Amino acid sequence: MHEDVYAVKDLTMNLLHQTPMTLVVRGKVDSERYSDSGPSVRYTAVRAAQHSFAEHNESLLKQLTAYGEQVDGNTNA
């Protein structure tokens, strides 16, 4: 393993590219760097975690349920 560092790096990168991840990304306008299309935006990954499809589905169901309750509440008024 110590002799073939590139093989270990390639194996690690392949595993990371195949692993679903949840990223929290923060964007910030960089006022010092401008181009013809406007100011540049700097993106920073704040948090990374392995993606859980079950937790994501639960979150979506809660949001849809809350949205349905809001729509039902507005039609009864």
C-alpha atoms as a PDB file:
ATOM      1  CA  MET A   1       0.000   0.000   0.000  1.00  0.00           C
ATOM      2  CA  HIS A   2       2.829   2.433   0.791  1.00  0.00           C
ATOM      3  CA  GLU A   3       4.533   1.681  -2.515  1.00  0.00           C
ATOM      4  CA  ASP A   4       1.530   2.339  -4.747  1.00  0.00           C
ATOM      5  CA  VAL A   5       0.124   5.620  -3.451  1.00  0.00           C
ATOM      6  CA  TYR A   6      -1.555   6.455  -6.771  1.00  0.00           C
ATOM      7  CA  ALA A   7      -3.521   3.175  -6.798  1.00  0.00           C
ATOM      8  CA  VAL A   8      -4.768   3.846  -3.262  1.00  0.00           C
ATOM      9  CA  LYS A   9      -5.712   7.412  -4.236  1.00  0.00           C
ATOM     10  CA  ASP A  10      -7.586   6.202  -7.343  1.00  0.00           C
ATOM     11  CA  LEU A  11      -9.425   3.534  -5.353  1.00  0.00           C
ATOM     12  CA  THR A  12     -10.429   6.077  -2.684  1.00  0.00           C
ATOM     13  CA  MET A  13     -11.619   8.619  -5.254  1.00  0.00           C
ATOM     14  CA  ASN A  14     -13.634   5.959  -7.110  1.00  0.00           C
ATOM     15  CA  LEU A  15     -15.349   4.947  -3.872  1.00  0.00           C
ATOM     16  CA  LEU A  16     -16.124   8.588  -3.040  1.00  0.00           C
ATOM     17  CA  HIS A  17     -17.533   9.269  -6.511  1.00  0.00           C
ATOM     18  CA  GLN A  18     -19.887   6.303  -6.188  1.00  0.00           C
ATOM     19  CA  THR A  19     -21.127   7.203  -2.693  1.00  0.00           C
ATOM     20  CA  PRO A  20     -24.278   9.375  -2.483  1.00  0.00           C
ATOM     21  CA  MET A  21     -23.521  12.386  -0.287  1.00  0.00           C
ATOM     22  CA  THR A  22     -25.604  15.187   1.182  1.00  0.00           C
ATOM     23  CA  LEU A  23     -23.816  18.533   0.976  1.00  0.00           C
ATOM     24  CA  VAL A  24     -24.628  21.828   2.634  1.00  0.00           C
ATOM     25  CA  VAL A  25     -23.146  24.543   0.434  1.00  0.00           C
ATOM     26  CA  ARG A  26     -22.834  28.241   1.209  1.00  0.00           C
ATOM     27  CA  GLY A  27     -22.491  30.811  -1.573  1.00  0.00           C
ATOM     28  CA  LYS A  28     -20.997  34.265  -1.088  1.00  0.00           C
ATOM     29  CA  VAL A  29     -20.621  37.086  -3.600  1.00  0.00           C
ATOM     30  CA  ASP A  30     -16.975  38.040  -3.892  1.00  0.00           C
ATOM     31  CA  SER A  31     -17.054  41.825  -4.255  1.00  0.00           C
ATOM     32  CA  GLU A  32     -13.353  42.006  -5.147  1.00  0.00           C
ATOM     33  CA  ARG A  33     -13.526  39.766  -8.224  1.00  0.00           C
ATOM     34  CA  TYR A  34     -15.621  40.889 -11.181  1.00  0.00           C
ATOM     35  CA  SER A  35     -15.907  39.572 -14.699  1.00  0.00           C
ATOM     36  CA  ASP A  36     -17.902  40.659 -17.746  1.00  0.00           C
ATOM     37  CA  SER A  37     -20.916  38.736 -16.455  1.00  0.00           C
ATOM     38  CA  GLY A  38     -20.838  40.400 -13.004  1.00  0.00           C
ATOM     39  CA  PRO A  39     -19.377  39.608  -9.605  1.00  0.00           C
ATOM     40  CA  SER A  40     -18.085  36.111  -8.993  1.00  0.00           C
ATOM     41  CA  VAL A  41     -19.642  33.838  -6.406  1.00  0.00           C
ATOM     42  CA  ARG A  42     -17.524  31.761  -4.054  1.00  0.00           C
ATOM     43  CA  TYR A  43     -19.038  28.445  -2.959  1.00  0.00           C
ATOM     44  CA  THR A  44     -17.925  26.600   0.173  1.00  0.00           C
ATOM     45  CA  ALA A  45     -19.007  23.152   1.325  1.00  0.00           C
ATOM     46  CA  VAL A  46     -19.986  23.612   4.969  1.00  0.00           C
ATOM     47  CA  ARG A  47     -20.968  20.047   5.781  1.00  0.00           C
ATOM     48  CA  ALA A  48     -20.842  16.666   4.056  1.00  0.00           C
ATOM     49  CA  ALA A  49     -22.531  13.482   5.195  1.00  0.00           C
ATOM     50  CA  GLN A  50     -23.514  10.180   3.683  1.00  0.00           C
ATOM     51  CA  HIS A  51     -26.931  10.507   2.070  1.00  0.00           C
ATOM     52  CA  SER A  52     -29.829   8.655   3.653  1.00  0.00           C
ATOM     53  CA  PHE A  53     -32.696   8.133   1.230  1.00  0.00           C
ATOM     54  CA  ALA A  54     -35.030   7.120   4.079  1.00  0.00           C
ATOM     55  CA  GLU A  55     -34.415  10.355   6.016  1.00  0.00           C
ATOM     56  CA  HIS A  56     -34.748  12.454   2.862  1.00  0.00           C
ATOM     57  CA  ASN A  57     -38.074  10.786   1.994  1.00  0.00           C
ATOM     58  CA  GLU A  58     -39.366  11.403   5.530  1.00  0.00           C
ATOM     59  CA  SER A  59     -38.415  15.073   5.248  1.00  0.00           C
ATOM     60  CA  LEU A  60     -40.179  15.395   1.874  1.00  0.00           C
ATOM     61  CA  LEU A  61     -43.310  13.710   3.234  1.00  0.00           C
ATOM     62  CA  LYS A  62     -43.407  16.122   6.192  1.00  0.00           C
ATOM     63  CA  GLN A  63     -43.059  19.099   3.839  1.00  0.00           C
ATOM     64  CA  LEU A  64     -45.802  17.792   1.546  1.00  0.00           C
ATOM     65  CA  THR A  65     -48.095  17.132   4.498  1.00  0.00           C
ATOM     66  CA  ALA A  66     -47.512  20.646   5.848  1.00  0.00           C
ATOM     67  CA  TYR A  67     -48.176  22.099   2.386  1.00  0.00           C
ATOM     68  CA  GLY A  68     -51.398  20.078   2.102  1.00  0.00           C
ATOM     69  CA  GLU A  69     -52.564  21.366   5.481  1.00  0.00           C
ATOM     70  CA  GLN A  70     -51.890  24.962   4.387  1.00  0.00           C
ATOM     71  CA  VAL A  71     -53.859  24.482   1.170  1.00  0.00           C
ATOM     72  CA  ASP A  72     -56.770  22.858   3.043  1.00  0.00           C
ATOM     73  CA  GLY A  73     -56.731  25.660   5.597  1.00  0.00           C
ATOM     74  CA  ASN A  74     -56.947  28.322   2.860  1.00  0.00           C
ATOM     75  CA  THR A  75     -59.899  26.687   1.042  1.00  0.00           C
ATOM     76  CA  ASN A  76     -62.050  26.548   4.206  1.00  0.00           C
ATOM     77  CA  ALA A  77     -61.746  30.287   4.853  1.00  0.00           C
END
